Amino acid sequence: MIEMPVIDPEKCNGCGLCIDVCACDAIVMTDGLVTIVETDSCGWCLQCEIVCPEGAISCSYEISADEK
């Protein structure tokens, strides 16, 4: 299992924007806060981290591309 993004429950306001952008359904709403569901289909697109207005989601990997 790959390491999943992490949600800081103290920062999460439960807006659900990350759920809307998660293509692999790895984020669900639980008791008004979002929760990460471990899945092998997470492709680390970073959309959940990018869209979060509170900065509550952090992805521990940095993705970079080499231009040739």
C-alpha atoms as a PDB file:
ATOM      1  CA  MET A   1       0.000   0.000   0.000  1.00  0.00           C
ATOM      2  CA  ILE A   2       1.336   3.444  -0.895  1.00  0.00           C
ATOM      3  CA  GLU A   3       1.494   6.265   1.603  1.00  0.00           C
ATOM      4  CA  MET A   4      -1.679   8.334   1.306  1.00  0.00           C
ATOM      5  CA  PRO A   5      -2.174  12.100   1.640  1.00  0.00           C
ATOM      6  CA  VAL A   6      -2.755  13.267   5.214  1.00  0.00           C
ATOM      7  CA  ILE A   7      -5.615  15.443   6.466  1.00  0.00           C
ATOM      8  CA  ASP A   8      -5.162  17.733   9.466  1.00  0.00           C
ATOM      9  CA  PRO A   9      -8.560  17.492  11.200  1.00  0.00           C
ATOM     10  CA  GLU A  10      -7.955  20.776  13.046  1.00  0.00           C
ATOM     11  CA  LYS A  11      -7.701  22.653   9.730  1.00  0.00           C
ATOM     12  CA  CYS A  12     -10.424  20.792   7.792  1.00  0.00           C
ATOM     13  CA  ASN A  13     -13.677  22.750   7.534  1.00  0.00           C
ATOM     14  CA  GLY A  14     -15.582  19.908   5.842  1.00  0.00           C
ATOM     15  CA  CYS A  15     -16.205  21.819   2.601  1.00  0.00           C
ATOM     16  CA  GLY A  16     -15.820  18.644   0.501  1.00  0.00           C
ATOM     17  CA  LEU A  17     -13.941  20.238  -2.402  1.00  0.00           C
ATOM     18  CA  CYS A  18     -11.271  17.537  -2.139  1.00  0.00           C
ATOM     19  CA  ILE A  19     -13.931  14.840  -2.467  1.00  0.00           C
ATOM     20  CA  ASP A  20     -15.164  16.433  -5.678  1.00  0.00           C
ATOM     21  CA  VAL A  21     -11.709  16.393  -7.300  1.00  0.00           C
ATOM     22  CA  CYS A  22     -10.547  12.957  -6.116  1.00  0.00           C
ATOM     23  CA  ALA A  23     -10.648  10.722  -9.184  1.00  0.00           C
ATOM     24  CA  CYS A  24      -9.904   7.536  -7.236  1.00  0.00           C
ATOM     25  CA  ASP A  25     -12.568   7.992  -4.512  1.00  0.00           C
ATOM     26  CA  ALA A  26      -9.916   7.950  -1.772  1.00  0.00           C
ATOM     27  CA  ILE A  27     -11.584  10.757   0.188  1.00  0.00           C
ATOM     28  CA  VAL A  28     -14.907  10.433   2.009  1.00  0.00           C
ATOM     29  CA  MET A  29     -16.909  12.529   4.458  1.00  0.00           C
ATOM     30  CA  THR A  30     -17.071  11.182   8.020  1.00  0.00           C
ATOM     31  CA  ASP A  31     -18.786  13.109  10.809  1.00  0.00           C
ATOM     32  CA  GLY A  32     -18.495  16.386   8.896  1.00  0.00           C
ATOM     33  CA  LEU A  33     -14.781  16.002   8.170  1.00  0.00           C
ATOM     34  CA  VAL A  34     -13.015  14.416   5.241  1.00  0.00           C
ATOM     35  CA  THR A  35     -11.192  11.133   5.728  1.00  0.00           C
ATOM     36  CA  ILE A  36      -8.639   9.403   3.530  1.00  0.00           C
ATOM     37  CA  VAL A  37      -9.394   5.822   2.501  1.00  0.00           C
ATOM     38  CA  GLU A  38      -6.268   3.810   1.718  1.00  0.00           C
ATOM     39  CA  THR A  39      -6.262   2.615  -1.874  1.00  0.00           C
ATOM     40  CA  ASP A  40      -3.708   1.449  -4.400  1.00  0.00           C
ATOM     41  CA  SER A  41      -5.430   3.552  -7.058  1.00  0.00           C
ATOM     42  CA  CYS A  42      -4.228   6.899  -5.642  1.00  0.00           C
ATOM     43  CA  GLY A  43      -2.019   8.346  -8.363  1.00  0.00           C
ATOM     44  CA  TRP A  44      -0.779  11.292  -6.299  1.00  0.00           C
ATOM     45  CA  CYS A  45      -2.344  13.829  -8.648  1.00  0.00           C
ATOM     46  CA  LEU A  46      -2.181  16.358  -5.763  1.00  0.00           C
ATOM     47  CA  GLN A  47      -5.554  17.854  -6.728  1.00  0.00           C
ATOM     48  CA  CYS A  48      -6.891  17.343  -3.192  1.00  0.00           C
ATOM     49  CA  GLU A  49      -3.969  19.284  -1.715  1.00  0.00           C
ATOM     50  CA  ILE A  50      -4.229  22.032  -4.350  1.00  0.00           C
ATOM     51  CA  VAL A  51      -7.987  22.587  -3.996  1.00  0.00           C
ATOM     52  CA  CYS A  52      -8.113  22.655  -0.168  1.00  0.00           C
ATOM     53  CA  PRO A  53      -8.779  26.273   0.884  1.00  0.00           C
ATOM     54  CA  GLU A  54      -7.637  25.598   4.456  1.00  0.00           C
ATOM     55  CA  GLY A  55      -4.360  23.829   3.636  1.00  0.00           C
ATOM     56  CA  ALA A  56      -5.600  20.809   5.575  1.00  0.00           C
ATOM     57  CA  ILE A  57      -4.280  18.202   3.132  1.00  0.00           C
ATOM     58  CA  SER A  58      -0.620  17.434   2.742  1.00  0.00           C
ATOM     59  CA  CYS A  59       1.019  15.021   0.387  1.00  0.00           C
ATOM     60  CA  SER A  60       4.350  13.747   1.585  1.00  0.00           C
ATOM     61  CA  TYR A  61       5.782  13.280  -1.894  1.00  0.00           C
ATOM     62  CA  GLU A  62       6.997  16.041  -4.138  1.00  0.00           C
ATOM     63  CA  ILE A  63       6.371  15.371  -7.785  1.00  0.00           C
ATOM     64  CA  SER A  64       8.686  16.940 -10.318  1.00  0.00           C
ATOM     65  CA  ALA A  65       9.226  16.603 -14.024  1.00  0.00           C
ATOM     66  CA  ASP A  66      12.459  16.886 -15.922  1.00  0.00           C
ATOM     67  CA  GLU A  67      12.236  18.962 -19.066  1.00  0.00           C
ATOM     68  CA  LYS A  68      14.421  17.662 -21.877  1.00  0.00           C
END
